[in-house]
Amino acid sequence: MSLTDSLLGTSPVRRAAYAVGLIALFGIVFGFTWSQAIIVAAVVLVGESAELARPLPGLDERHFRLVLGLVAVAAGGVAYWAQGDATVAAVGVGGGGWLLLDALYSLREGILSGDDGMAEADSSEVFLSMQVGHLVAEELKDGPKTVPELADACDMTESRVREALDYHEQADTAYRDGGQWHLDESKIGAWAFVRDNTRRALARFFRPFRLFVPS
């Protein structure tokens, strides 16, 4: 029997004992306040349950995010009510509230965690695509080129080059003018990488708040 099967078959009594053990560990050994220890234990237990439930058919991970958010908000409220711990309460309510909104928005829009288009891609295929994209960008730094010219310079098939160019076009780092492709070097480099990833992170952070925008 696998570890996952064993944990999935764990009785409620053992799960409760595990929870008490976690609270004691964080409260006594690591010196957390009891409210902090309860929050950490709750997050660990719910997160573990969500991870174990991933391979089970018919279960939606968005529902576990919803439960985790509810647990975090409730734990934050308990922390403030029991000990007046405003820091833990703010983390619990803020983080849990974000998870709640994110889960609700994902359910409303039908968004799954693997909807990024690359989640199911083979790692070797992703690595090859990145290599081709880099080679194409390096060639375009020397000046505009056609697809056949890029394929010859990169020693790649034209279909591979077109895939790389499609990626660059979507990323707005290259554009086509007639039959030739041009590189926008202002959007290549360390600063562009930081800027684009910061933009993506902010977009991901604010995505749940679209729940308040009428669909």
N, C-alpha and C. Protein backbone atom coordinates (compact mmCIF):
# COMPACT_ATOMS: atom_id res chain seq x y z
N MET A 1 0.85 -1.21 0.00
CA MET A 1 0.00 0.00 0.00
C MET A 1 0.88 1.25 0.00
N SER A 2 0.54 2.22 -0.85
CA SER A 2 1.35 3.43 -0.96
C SER A 2 1.10 4.36 0.22
N LEU A 3 2.00 5.35 0.38
CA LEU A 3 1.84 6.33 1.46
C LEU A 3 0.55 7.12 1.29
N THR A 4 0.25 7.49 0.03
CA THR A 4 -0.99 8.24 -0.21
C THR A 4 -2.21 7.43 0.19
N ASP A 5 -2.23 6.13 -0.20
CA ASP A 5 -3.36 5.28 0.17
C ASP A 5 -3.48 5.16 1.68
N SER A 6 -2.33 5.05 2.36
CA SER A 6 -2.36 4.93 3.82
C SER A 6 -2.93 6.18 4.46
N LEU A 7 -2.50 7.35 3.98
CA LEU A 7 -2.98 8.60 4.56
C LEU A 7 -4.46 8.83 4.27
N LEU A 8 -4.87 8.44 3.04
CA LEU A 8 -6.27 8.61 2.69
C LEU A 8 -7.16 7.73 3.55
N GLY A 9 -6.60 6.61 3.99
CA GLY A 9 -7.38 5.70 4.81
C GLY A 9 -7.25 5.95 6.29
N THR A 10 -6.56 7.01 6.68
CA THR A 10 -6.36 7.30 8.10
C THR A 10 -7.68 7.63 8.77
N SER A 11 -7.88 7.11 9.97
CA SER A 11 -9.13 7.33 10.69
C SER A 11 -9.19 8.75 11.24
N PRO A 12 -10.41 9.26 11.52
CA PRO A 12 -10.54 10.61 12.10
C PRO A 12 -9.80 10.75 13.42
N VAL A 13 -9.74 9.67 14.21
CA VAL A 13 -9.05 9.73 15.51
C VAL A 13 -7.56 9.99 15.29
N ARG A 14 -6.98 9.29 14.33
CA ARG A 14 -5.56 9.49 14.05
C ARG A 14 -5.30 10.87 13.47
N ARG A 15 -6.21 11.35 12.64
CA ARG A 15 -6.05 12.69 12.09
C ARG A 15 -6.12 13.73 13.20
N ALA A 16 -7.03 13.51 14.16
CA ALA A 16 -7.14 14.44 15.29
C ALA A 16 -5.87 14.41 16.13
N ALA A 17 -5.32 13.21 16.35
CA ALA A 17 -4.08 13.09 17.12
C ALA A 17 -2.93 13.77 16.38
N TYR A 18 -2.93 13.64 15.06
CA TYR A 18 -1.91 14.30 14.24
C TYR A 18 -2.00 15.82 14.39
N ALA A 19 -3.25 16.34 14.39
CA ALA A 19 -3.45 17.78 14.55
C ALA A 19 -2.96 18.26 15.91
N VAL A 20 -3.29 17.50 16.96
CA VAL A 20 -2.83 17.87 18.31
C VAL A 20 -1.30 17.85 18.37
N GLY A 21 -0.70 16.84 17.72
CA GLY A 21 0.76 16.76 17.71
C GLY A 21 1.39 17.95 17.00
N LEU A 22 0.78 18.38 15.90
CA LEU A 22 1.30 19.55 15.19
C LEU A 22 1.21 20.81 16.06
N ILE A 23 0.06 20.98 16.71
CA ILE A 23 -0.12 22.16 17.57
C ILE A 23 0.90 22.16 18.70
N ALA A 24 1.11 20.98 19.31
CA ALA A 24 2.10 20.88 20.39
C ALA A 24 3.50 21.16 19.87
N LEU A 25 3.81 20.65 18.68
CA LEU A 25 5.14 20.85 18.10
C LEU A 25 5.43 22.33 17.90
N PHE A 26 4.50 23.04 17.25
CA PHE A 26 4.72 24.46 16.98
C PHE A 26 4.60 25.31 18.25
N GLY A 27 3.72 24.90 19.16
CA GLY A 27 3.50 25.69 20.36
C GLY A 27 4.59 25.53 21.41
N ILE A 28 5.06 24.28 21.60
CA ILE A 28 6.03 24.01 22.66
C ILE A 28 7.47 24.06 22.14
N VAL A 29 7.72 23.34 21.05
CA VAL A 29 9.09 23.23 20.55
C VAL A 29 9.55 24.52 19.88
N PHE A 30 8.70 25.10 19.02
CA PHE A 30 9.10 26.28 18.26
C PHE A 30 8.68 27.59 18.92
N GLY A 31 7.97 27.52 20.02
CA GLY A 31 7.64 28.72 20.78
C GLY A 31 6.57 29.60 20.17
N PHE A 32 5.73 29.04 19.27
CA PHE A 32 4.62 29.81 18.72
C PHE A 32 3.58 30.04 19.81
N THR A 33 2.80 31.13 19.68
CA THR A 33 1.63 31.26 20.55
C THR A 33 0.64 30.18 20.14
N TRP A 34 -0.30 29.87 21.04
CA TRP A 34 -1.24 28.78 20.73
C TRP A 34 -2.10 29.12 19.52
N SER A 35 -2.47 30.38 19.38
CA SER A 35 -3.28 30.76 18.22
C SER A 35 -2.49 30.59 16.93
N GLN A 36 -1.20 30.97 16.97
CA GLN A 36 -0.35 30.79 15.79
C GLN A 36 -0.18 29.31 15.46
N ALA A 37 0.02 28.49 16.50
CA ALA A 37 0.20 27.06 16.29
C ALA A 37 -1.04 26.42 15.69
N ILE A 38 -2.22 26.86 16.13
CA ILE A 38 -3.47 26.32 15.59
C ILE A 38 -3.62 26.68 14.12
N ILE A 39 -3.28 27.92 13.76
CA ILE A 39 -3.40 28.35 12.36
C ILE A 39 -2.45 27.54 11.48
N VAL A 40 -1.20 27.40 11.91
CA VAL A 40 -0.23 26.65 11.11
C VAL A 40 -0.67 25.20 10.95
N ALA A 41 -1.14 24.59 12.04
CA ALA A 41 -1.59 23.20 11.98
C ALA A 41 -2.78 23.05 11.04
N ALA A 42 -3.71 24.01 11.09
CA ALA A 42 -4.88 23.95 10.22
C ALA A 42 -4.48 24.06 8.75
N VAL A 43 -3.56 24.98 8.46
CA VAL A 43 -3.10 25.15 7.08
C VAL A 43 -2.41 23.88 6.58
N VAL A 44 -1.56 23.29 7.43
CA VAL A 44 -0.86 22.06 7.05
C VAL A 44 -1.84 20.93 6.78
N LEU A 45 -2.83 20.77 7.65
CA LEU A 45 -3.79 19.67 7.50
C LEU A 45 -4.64 19.84 6.25
N VAL A 46 -5.16 21.05 6.03
CA VAL A 46 -6.01 21.26 4.86
C VAL A 46 -5.19 21.17 3.58
N GLY A 47 -3.98 21.76 3.61
CA GLY A 47 -3.12 21.68 2.43
C GLY A 47 -2.73 20.25 2.10
N GLU A 48 -2.45 19.45 3.12
CA GLU A 48 -2.12 18.05 2.91
C GLU A 48 -3.31 17.29 2.33
N SER A 49 -4.50 17.59 2.84
CA SER A 49 -5.70 16.93 2.33
C SER A 49 -5.93 17.27 0.87
N ALA A 50 -5.69 18.54 0.51
CA ALA A 50 -5.86 18.95 -0.88
C ALA A 50 -4.87 18.24 -1.78
N GLU A 51 -3.62 18.10 -1.31
CA GLU A 51 -2.59 17.44 -2.11
C GLU A 51 -2.92 15.96 -2.30
N LEU A 52 -3.40 15.32 -1.23
CA LEU A 52 -3.73 13.90 -1.32
C LEU A 52 -4.94 13.67 -2.21
N ALA A 53 -5.81 14.66 -2.30
CA ALA A 53 -7.04 14.48 -3.08
C ALA A 53 -6.84 14.71 -4.57
N ARG A 54 -5.67 15.23 -4.97
CA ARG A 54 -5.45 15.54 -6.39
C ARG A 54 -5.65 14.34 -7.30
N PRO A 55 -5.11 13.14 -6.94
CA PRO A 55 -5.27 12.02 -7.85
C PRO A 55 -6.65 11.39 -7.82
N LEU A 56 -7.54 11.82 -6.93
CA LEU A 56 -8.85 11.19 -6.82
C LEU A 56 -9.79 11.75 -7.87
N PRO A 57 -10.47 10.88 -8.63
CA PRO A 57 -11.39 11.36 -9.65
C PRO A 57 -12.62 12.00 -9.04
N GLY A 58 -13.13 13.01 -9.71
CA GLY A 58 -14.36 13.66 -9.27
C GLY A 58 -14.18 14.73 -8.22
N LEU A 59 -12.95 14.97 -7.76
CA LEU A 59 -12.71 16.00 -6.75
C LEU A 59 -12.05 17.21 -7.40
N ASP A 60 -12.53 18.38 -7.06
CA ASP A 60 -12.06 19.62 -7.66
C ASP A 60 -11.14 20.35 -6.68
N GLU A 61 -9.88 20.62 -7.10
CA GLU A 61 -8.94 21.28 -6.20
C GLU A 61 -9.39 22.68 -5.82
N ARG A 62 -10.26 23.29 -6.62
CA ARG A 62 -10.76 24.62 -6.29
C ARG A 62 -11.60 24.59 -5.02
N HIS A 63 -12.30 23.47 -4.79
CA HIS A 63 -13.08 23.34 -3.57
C HIS A 63 -12.18 23.29 -2.34
N PHE A 64 -11.00 22.68 -2.49
CA PHE A 64 -10.06 22.63 -1.37
C PHE A 64 -9.48 24.01 -1.08
N ARG A 65 -9.26 24.79 -2.14
CA ARG A 65 -8.80 26.17 -1.92
C ARG A 65 -9.87 26.96 -1.17
N LEU A 66 -11.12 26.68 -1.51
CA LEU A 66 -12.23 27.35 -0.82
C LEU A 66 -12.24 26.98 0.66
N VAL A 67 -12.07 25.69 0.95
CA VAL A 67 -12.05 25.23 2.34
C VAL A 67 -10.84 25.80 3.08
N LEU A 68 -9.68 25.80 2.42
CA LEU A 68 -8.48 26.34 3.04
C LEU A 68 -8.65 27.81 3.37
N GLY A 69 -9.28 28.56 2.47
CA GLY A 69 -9.54 29.97 2.73
C GLY A 69 -10.46 30.16 3.92
N LEU A 70 -11.52 29.35 4.00
CA LEU A 70 -12.44 29.44 5.13
C LEU A 70 -11.74 29.13 6.44
N VAL A 71 -10.90 28.09 6.43
CA VAL A 71 -10.17 27.70 7.64
C VAL A 71 -9.23 28.82 8.07
N ALA A 72 -8.52 29.42 7.11
CA ALA A 72 -7.58 30.49 7.44
C ALA A 72 -8.30 31.71 8.01
N VAL A 73 -9.43 32.08 7.40
CA VAL A 73 -10.20 33.23 7.91
C VAL A 73 -10.71 32.94 9.31
N ALA A 74 -11.26 31.74 9.51
CA ALA A 74 -11.78 31.37 10.83
C ALA A 74 -10.67 31.35 11.87
N ALA A 75 -9.51 30.79 11.50
CA ALA A 75 -8.39 30.73 12.43
C ALA A 75 -7.89 32.13 12.78
N GLY A 76 -7.87 33.02 11.79
CA GLY A 76 -7.47 34.39 12.06
C GLY A 76 -8.42 35.07 13.02
N GLY A 77 -9.72 34.83 12.83
CA GLY A 77 -10.71 35.39 13.74
C GLY A 77 -10.57 34.86 15.15
N VAL A 78 -10.31 33.56 15.27
CA VAL A 78 -10.12 32.94 16.58
C VAL A 78 -8.88 33.50 17.26
N ALA A 79 -7.81 33.69 16.48
CA ALA A 79 -6.57 34.22 17.04
C ALA A 79 -6.78 35.61 17.63
N TYR A 80 -7.56 36.42 16.93
CA TYR A 80 -7.80 37.78 17.43
C TYR A 80 -8.74 37.77 18.63
N TRP A 81 -9.75 36.91 18.57
CA TRP A 81 -10.73 36.84 19.66
C TRP A 81 -10.12 36.25 20.92
N ALA A 82 -9.26 35.23 20.77
CA ALA A 82 -8.71 34.53 21.93
C ALA A 82 -7.54 35.27 22.57
N GLN A 83 -6.65 35.83 21.73
CA GLN A 83 -5.44 36.42 22.29
C GLN A 83 -5.17 37.83 21.79
N GLY A 84 -6.05 38.37 20.98
CA GLY A 84 -5.84 39.72 20.46
C GLY A 84 -4.62 39.83 19.57
N ASP A 85 -4.25 38.72 18.91
CA ASP A 85 -3.07 38.70 18.04
C ASP A 85 -3.45 39.28 16.68
N ALA A 86 -3.23 40.59 16.51
CA ALA A 86 -3.65 41.27 15.29
C ALA A 86 -2.84 40.82 14.07
N THR A 87 -1.56 40.50 14.27
CA THR A 87 -0.72 40.09 13.14
C THR A 87 -1.20 38.78 12.54
N VAL A 88 -1.41 37.78 13.41
CA VAL A 88 -1.89 36.48 12.94
C VAL A 88 -3.28 36.62 12.34
N ALA A 89 -4.12 37.45 12.97
CA ALA A 89 -5.48 37.65 12.46
C ALA A 89 -5.44 38.27 11.07
N ALA A 90 -4.56 39.25 10.87
CA ALA A 90 -4.47 39.91 9.56
C ALA A 90 -4.00 38.94 8.49
N VAL A 91 -2.99 38.11 8.83
CA VAL A 91 -2.49 37.12 7.87
C VAL A 91 -3.57 36.10 7.54
N GLY A 92 -4.26 35.62 8.59
CA GLY A 92 -5.30 34.62 8.37
C GLY A 92 -6.46 35.15 7.55
N VAL A 93 -6.96 36.32 7.93
CA VAL A 93 -8.11 36.89 7.23
C VAL A 93 -7.71 37.36 5.83
N GLY A 94 -6.54 38.01 5.71
CA GLY A 94 -6.10 38.49 4.40
C GLY A 94 -5.80 37.36 3.44
N GLY A 95 -4.95 36.42 3.89
CA GLY A 95 -4.60 35.29 3.02
C GLY A 95 -5.78 34.38 2.74
N GLY A 96 -6.56 34.10 3.79
CA GLY A 96 -7.73 33.25 3.60
C GLY A 96 -8.78 33.90 2.73
N GLY A 97 -8.96 35.22 2.89
CA GLY A 97 -9.92 35.92 2.05
C GLY A 97 -9.52 35.89 0.59
N TRP A 98 -8.21 36.03 0.33
CA TRP A 98 -7.74 35.97 -1.06
C TRP A 98 -8.00 34.59 -1.65
N LEU A 99 -7.71 33.53 -0.87
CA LEU A 99 -7.96 32.17 -1.35
C LEU A 99 -9.44 31.94 -1.63
N LEU A 100 -10.29 32.47 -0.76
CA LEU A 100 -11.73 32.35 -0.96
C LEU A 100 -12.16 33.00 -2.27
N LEU A 101 -11.74 34.24 -2.47
CA LEU A 101 -12.11 34.95 -3.69
C LEU A 101 -11.55 34.26 -4.93
N ASP A 102 -10.30 33.78 -4.83
CA ASP A 102 -9.67 33.12 -5.97
C ASP A 102 -10.43 31.85 -6.34
N ALA A 103 -10.80 31.07 -5.32
CA ALA A 103 -11.54 29.83 -5.58
C ALA A 103 -12.91 30.13 -6.18
N LEU A 104 -13.61 31.12 -5.64
CA LEU A 104 -14.93 31.47 -6.15
C LEU A 104 -14.86 31.99 -7.59
N TYR A 105 -13.86 32.83 -7.86
CA TYR A 105 -13.72 33.36 -9.22
C TYR A 105 -13.37 32.24 -10.20
N SER A 106 -12.47 31.33 -9.78
CA SER A 106 -12.09 30.21 -10.65
C SER A 106 -13.28 29.31 -10.93
N LEU A 107 -14.12 29.10 -9.93
CA LEU A 107 -15.32 28.28 -10.12
C LEU A 107 -16.30 28.98 -11.07
N ARG A 108 -16.46 30.29 -10.90
CA ARG A 108 -17.39 31.03 -11.75
C ARG A 108 -16.95 31.04 -13.21
N GLU A 109 -15.63 31.20 -13.42
CA GLU A 109 -15.12 31.31 -14.79
C GLU A 109 -14.67 29.97 -15.37
N GLY A 110 -14.72 28.91 -14.56
CA GLY A 110 -14.30 27.60 -15.05
C GLY A 110 -12.80 27.48 -15.25
N ILE A 111 -12.02 28.19 -14.40
CA ILE A 111 -10.56 28.18 -14.52
C ILE A 111 -10.00 27.06 -13.66
N LEU A 112 -9.14 26.23 -14.25
CA LEU A 112 -8.46 25.16 -13.52
C LEU A 112 -6.99 25.52 -13.35
N SER A 113 -6.33 24.89 -12.37
CA SER A 113 -4.92 25.22 -12.10
C SER A 113 -4.01 24.86 -13.25
N GLY A 114 -4.42 23.94 -14.12
CA GLY A 114 -3.59 23.53 -15.26
C GLY A 114 -3.91 24.26 -16.54
N ASP A 115 -4.65 25.39 -16.44
CA ASP A 115 -5.08 26.09 -17.65
C ASP A 115 -4.05 27.08 -18.18
N ASP A 116 -2.79 26.94 -17.79
CA ASP A 116 -1.76 27.87 -18.28
C ASP A 116 -1.19 27.47 -19.62
N GLY A 117 -1.65 26.33 -20.16
CA GLY A 117 -1.23 25.93 -21.49
C GLY A 117 0.08 25.16 -21.52
N MET A 118 0.88 25.25 -20.44
CA MET A 118 2.16 24.55 -20.42
C MET A 118 2.19 23.47 -19.36
N ALA A 119 1.14 23.39 -18.56
CA ALA A 119 1.15 22.47 -17.42
C ALA A 119 1.29 21.02 -17.85
N GLU A 120 0.67 20.67 -19.00
CA GLU A 120 0.70 19.29 -19.44
C GLU A 120 1.81 19.02 -20.45
N ALA A 121 2.59 20.02 -20.76
CA ALA A 121 3.63 19.85 -21.77
C ALA A 121 4.78 19.02 -21.22
N ASP A 122 5.39 18.22 -22.10
CA ASP A 122 6.54 17.44 -21.71
C ASP A 122 7.72 18.37 -21.44
N SER A 123 8.49 18.07 -20.38
CA SER A 123 9.58 18.97 -19.99
C SER A 123 10.63 19.11 -21.08
N SER A 124 10.94 18.01 -21.78
CA SER A 124 11.94 18.08 -22.85
C SER A 124 11.44 18.94 -24.01
N GLU A 125 10.13 18.87 -24.27
CA GLU A 125 9.54 19.69 -25.33
C GLU A 125 9.60 21.17 -24.96
N VAL A 126 9.32 21.47 -23.70
CA VAL A 126 9.39 22.86 -23.23
C VAL A 126 10.81 23.39 -23.34
N PHE A 127 11.78 22.56 -22.93
CA PHE A 127 13.18 22.99 -22.99
C PHE A 127 13.62 23.25 -24.43
N LEU A 128 13.20 22.37 -25.35
CA LEU A 128 13.55 22.55 -26.76
C LEU A 128 12.94 23.83 -27.31
N SER A 129 11.68 24.10 -26.95
CA SER A 129 11.01 25.32 -27.42
C SER A 129 11.74 26.56 -26.91
N MET A 130 12.21 26.51 -25.66
CA MET A 130 12.95 27.64 -25.11
C MET A 130 14.26 27.85 -25.85
N GLN A 131 14.93 26.74 -26.19
CA GLN A 131 16.19 26.84 -26.92
C GLN A 131 15.98 27.46 -28.30
N VAL A 132 14.96 26.98 -28.99
CA VAL A 132 14.68 27.51 -30.33
C VAL A 132 14.32 28.99 -30.24
N GLY A 133 13.51 29.35 -29.25
CA GLY A 133 13.14 30.75 -29.07
C GLY A 133 14.35 31.63 -28.83
N HIS A 134 15.31 31.13 -28.04
CA HIS A 134 16.54 31.89 -27.77
C HIS A 134 17.37 32.03 -29.05
N LEU A 135 17.51 30.94 -29.81
CA LEU A 135 18.29 30.99 -31.05
C LEU A 135 17.68 31.97 -32.05
N VAL A 136 16.35 31.94 -32.16
CA VAL A 136 15.66 32.85 -33.09
C VAL A 136 15.90 34.30 -32.68
N ALA A 137 15.80 34.57 -31.38
CA ALA A 137 16.02 35.94 -30.90
C ALA A 137 17.45 36.40 -31.18
N GLU A 138 18.42 35.50 -30.98
CA GLU A 138 19.81 35.86 -31.23
C GLU A 138 20.04 36.18 -32.71
N GLU A 139 19.41 35.41 -33.59
CA GLU A 139 19.56 35.66 -35.03
C GLU A 139 18.91 36.97 -35.43
N LEU A 140 17.76 37.27 -34.84
CA LEU A 140 17.06 38.51 -35.18
C LEU A 140 17.79 39.75 -34.67
N LYS A 141 18.69 39.57 -33.70
CA LYS A 141 19.48 40.71 -33.23
C LYS A 141 20.40 41.24 -34.33
N ASP A 142 20.74 40.36 -35.29
CA ASP A 142 21.62 40.77 -36.39
C ASP A 142 20.85 41.47 -37.50
N GLY A 143 19.53 41.48 -37.40
CA GLY A 143 18.72 42.15 -38.41
C GLY A 143 17.51 41.32 -38.79
N PRO A 144 16.55 41.93 -39.49
CA PRO A 144 15.33 41.23 -39.89
C PRO A 144 15.64 40.03 -40.77
N LYS A 145 14.83 38.96 -40.61
CA LYS A 145 15.02 37.75 -41.41
C LYS A 145 13.67 37.12 -41.71
N THR A 146 13.64 36.34 -42.77
CA THR A 146 12.45 35.57 -43.11
C THR A 146 12.48 34.24 -42.36
N VAL A 147 11.37 33.52 -42.40
CA VAL A 147 11.31 32.22 -41.73
C VAL A 147 12.33 31.24 -42.32
N PRO A 148 12.43 31.11 -43.66
CA PRO A 148 13.45 30.19 -44.20
C PRO A 148 14.87 30.58 -43.79
N GLU A 149 15.16 31.88 -43.75
CA GLU A 149 16.49 32.32 -43.34
C GLU A 149 16.77 31.95 -41.89
N LEU A 150 15.77 32.12 -41.04
CA LEU A 150 15.94 31.77 -39.62
C LEU A 150 16.10 30.26 -39.45
N ALA A 151 15.32 29.49 -40.21
CA ALA A 151 15.42 28.04 -40.12
C ALA A 151 16.81 27.56 -40.54
N ASP A 152 17.35 28.18 -41.58
CA ASP A 152 18.68 27.81 -42.06
C ASP A 152 19.75 28.22 -41.05
N ALA A 153 19.62 29.43 -40.50
CA ALA A 153 20.62 29.93 -39.55
C ALA A 153 20.60 29.15 -38.24
N CYS A 154 19.41 28.73 -37.80
CA CYS A 154 19.27 28.00 -36.53
C CYS A 154 19.38 26.49 -36.69
N ASP A 155 19.44 26.04 -37.95
CA ASP A 155 19.48 24.61 -38.25
C ASP A 155 18.26 23.91 -37.64
N MET A 156 17.10 24.52 -37.84
CA MET A 156 15.84 23.99 -37.34
C MET A 156 14.82 23.94 -38.48
N THR A 157 13.77 23.17 -38.28
CA THR A 157 12.72 23.13 -39.29
C THR A 157 11.93 24.44 -39.26
N GLU A 158 11.29 24.75 -40.37
CA GLU A 158 10.52 25.99 -40.43
C GLU A 158 9.34 25.96 -39.45
N SER A 159 8.78 24.77 -39.22
CA SER A 159 7.65 24.68 -38.29
C SER A 159 8.10 25.04 -36.87
N ARG A 160 9.31 24.59 -36.49
CA ARG A 160 9.84 24.93 -35.17
C ARG A 160 10.08 26.44 -35.06
N VAL A 161 10.61 27.01 -36.11
CA VAL A 161 10.89 28.44 -36.11
C VAL A 161 9.58 29.23 -36.01
N ARG A 162 8.55 28.78 -36.73
CA ARG A 162 7.26 29.47 -36.66
C ARG A 162 6.67 29.41 -35.26
N GLU A 163 6.83 28.26 -34.58
CA GLU A 163 6.36 28.14 -33.20
C GLU A 163 7.06 29.16 -32.31
N ALA A 164 8.39 29.28 -32.49
CA ALA A 164 9.15 30.24 -31.69
C ALA A 164 8.73 31.67 -32.00
N LEU A 165 8.49 31.95 -33.27
CA LEU A 165 8.06 33.30 -33.66
C LEU A 165 6.67 33.61 -33.13
N ASP A 166 5.80 32.60 -33.11
CA ASP A 166 4.46 32.80 -32.54
C ASP A 166 4.57 33.18 -31.07
N TYR A 167 5.49 32.49 -30.36
CA TYR A 167 5.69 32.80 -28.94
C TYR A 167 6.20 34.24 -28.78
N HIS A 168 7.20 34.62 -29.58
CA HIS A 168 7.74 35.97 -29.49
C HIS A 168 6.68 37.02 -29.85
N GLU A 169 5.84 36.69 -30.81
CA GLU A 169 4.79 37.63 -31.20
C GLU A 169 3.78 37.82 -30.07
N GLN A 170 3.42 36.71 -29.41
CA GLN A 170 2.48 36.79 -28.29
C GLN A 170 3.10 37.56 -27.12
N ALA A 171 4.41 37.38 -26.93
CA ALA A 171 5.11 38.09 -25.86
C ALA A 171 5.43 39.52 -26.24
N ASP A 172 5.11 39.89 -27.49
CA ASP A 172 5.34 41.24 -28.00
C ASP A 172 6.83 41.58 -28.06
N THR A 173 7.66 40.55 -28.28
CA THR A 173 9.10 40.78 -28.40
C THR A 173 9.57 40.73 -29.85
N ALA A 174 8.68 40.34 -30.76
CA ALA A 174 9.01 40.32 -32.18
C ALA A 174 7.75 40.63 -32.98
N TYR A 175 7.95 41.17 -34.17
CA TYR A 175 6.80 41.49 -35.01
C TYR A 175 7.17 41.26 -36.47
N ARG A 176 6.14 41.06 -37.29
CA ARG A 176 6.36 40.78 -38.71
C ARG A 176 6.06 42.01 -39.54
N ASP A 177 6.93 42.28 -40.48
CA ASP A 177 6.74 43.38 -41.42
C ASP A 177 6.93 42.81 -42.81
N GLY A 178 5.82 42.56 -43.48
CA GLY A 178 5.90 41.88 -44.77
C GLY A 178 6.27 40.43 -44.56
N GLY A 179 7.34 39.99 -45.22
CA GLY A 179 7.79 38.61 -45.06
C GLY A 179 8.91 38.46 -44.06
N GLN A 180 9.33 39.57 -43.46
CA GLN A 180 10.46 39.53 -42.53
C GLN A 180 10.00 39.73 -41.09
N TRP A 181 10.80 39.15 -40.19
CA TRP A 181 10.53 39.29 -38.76
C TRP A 181 11.57 40.20 -38.13
N HIS A 182 11.11 41.06 -37.22
CA HIS A 182 11.98 42.01 -36.53
C HIS A 182 11.91 41.75 -35.03
N LEU A 183 13.02 41.99 -34.35
CA LEU A 183 13.09 41.83 -32.90
C LEU A 183 12.97 43.19 -32.23
N ASP A 184 12.13 43.27 -31.20
CA ASP A 184 12.01 44.50 -30.41
C ASP A 184 12.94 44.36 -29.20
N GLU A 185 14.17 44.85 -29.34
CA GLU A 185 15.18 44.64 -28.30
C GLU A 185 14.87 45.39 -27.01
N SER A 186 13.97 46.37 -27.07
CA SER A 186 13.61 47.09 -25.85
C SER A 186 12.85 46.19 -24.88
N LYS A 187 12.34 45.07 -25.40
CA LYS A 187 11.57 44.15 -24.55
C LYS A 187 12.32 42.86 -24.29
N ILE A 188 13.64 42.89 -24.53
CA ILE A 188 14.50 41.74 -24.26
C ILE A 188 15.54 42.15 -23.22
N GLY A 189 15.85 41.26 -22.28
CA GLY A 189 16.88 41.55 -21.29
C GLY A 189 16.37 41.44 -19.87
N ALA A 190 17.27 41.74 -18.91
CA ALA A 190 16.95 41.55 -17.49
C ALA A 190 15.80 42.45 -17.04
N TRP A 191 15.86 43.74 -17.44
CA TRP A 191 14.81 44.66 -17.01
C TRP A 191 13.46 44.25 -17.57
N ALA A 192 13.44 43.83 -18.84
CA ALA A 192 12.18 43.38 -19.44
C ALA A 192 11.65 42.14 -18.73
N PHE A 193 12.58 41.24 -18.34
CA PHE A 193 12.17 40.03 -17.62
C PHE A 193 11.52 40.38 -16.29
N VAL A 194 12.17 41.28 -15.53
CA VAL A 194 11.62 41.69 -14.24
C VAL A 194 10.28 42.39 -14.42
N ARG A 195 10.21 43.29 -15.40
CA ARG A 195 8.98 44.04 -15.64
C ARG A 195 7.83 43.13 -16.02
N ASP A 196 8.08 42.21 -16.96
CA ASP A 196 7.01 41.33 -17.44
C ASP A 196 6.54 40.38 -16.35
N ASN A 197 7.49 39.84 -15.56
CA ASN A 197 7.09 38.90 -14.50
C ASN A 197 6.39 39.62 -13.35
N THR A 198 6.80 40.86 -13.08
CA THR A 198 6.09 41.65 -12.07
C THR A 198 4.67 41.92 -12.52
N ARG A 199 4.52 42.22 -13.80
CA ARG A 199 3.18 42.47 -14.35
C ARG A 199 2.31 41.22 -14.24
N ARG A 200 2.90 40.05 -14.55
CA ARG A 200 2.14 38.80 -14.44
C ARG A 200 1.75 38.51 -13.00
N ALA A 201 2.70 38.74 -12.07
CA ALA A 201 2.42 38.48 -10.65
C ALA A 201 1.30 39.38 -10.14
N LEU A 202 1.34 40.65 -10.53
CA LEU A 202 0.30 41.58 -10.10
C LEU A 202 -1.05 41.20 -10.70
N ALA A 203 -1.03 40.78 -11.98
CA ALA A 203 -2.27 40.37 -12.63
C ALA A 203 -2.86 39.15 -11.93
N ARG A 204 -1.97 38.22 -11.52
CA ARG A 204 -2.45 37.02 -10.81
C ARG A 204 -2.99 37.39 -9.44
N PHE A 205 -2.34 38.34 -8.77
CA PHE A 205 -2.79 38.74 -7.44
C PHE A 205 -4.16 39.40 -7.49
N PHE A 206 -4.38 40.24 -8.50
CA PHE A 206 -5.64 40.98 -8.57
C PHE A 206 -6.76 40.20 -9.28
N ARG A 207 -6.42 39.05 -9.87
CA ARG A 207 -7.44 38.29 -10.61
C ARG A 207 -8.68 37.95 -9.78
N PRO A 208 -8.53 37.50 -8.52
CA PRO A 208 -9.74 37.15 -7.75
C PRO A 208 -10.71 38.31 -7.55
N PHE A 209 -10.19 39.55 -7.59
CA PHE A 209 -11.06 40.70 -7.34
C PHE A 209 -11.96 41.01 -8.54
N ARG A 210 -11.72 40.31 -9.66
CA ARG A 210 -12.64 40.44 -10.79
C ARG A 210 -14.00 39.85 -10.46
N LEU A 211 -14.05 39.12 -9.35
CA LEU A 211 -15.32 38.55 -8.91
C LEU A 211 -16.36 39.64 -8.69
N PHE A 212 -15.89 40.85 -8.36
CA PHE A 212 -16.81 41.95 -8.09
C PHE A 212 -17.18 42.72 -9.36
N VAL A 213 -16.58 42.31 -10.50
CA VAL A 213 -16.91 42.93 -11.78
C VAL A 213 -17.99 42.09 -12.44
N PRO A 214 -19.11 42.68 -12.82
CA PRO A 214 -20.18 41.89 -13.45
C PRO A 214 -19.68 41.16 -14.68
N SER A 215 -20.03 39.88 -14.80
CA SER A 215 -19.57 39.08 -15.94
C SER A 215 -20.44 39.35 -17.17
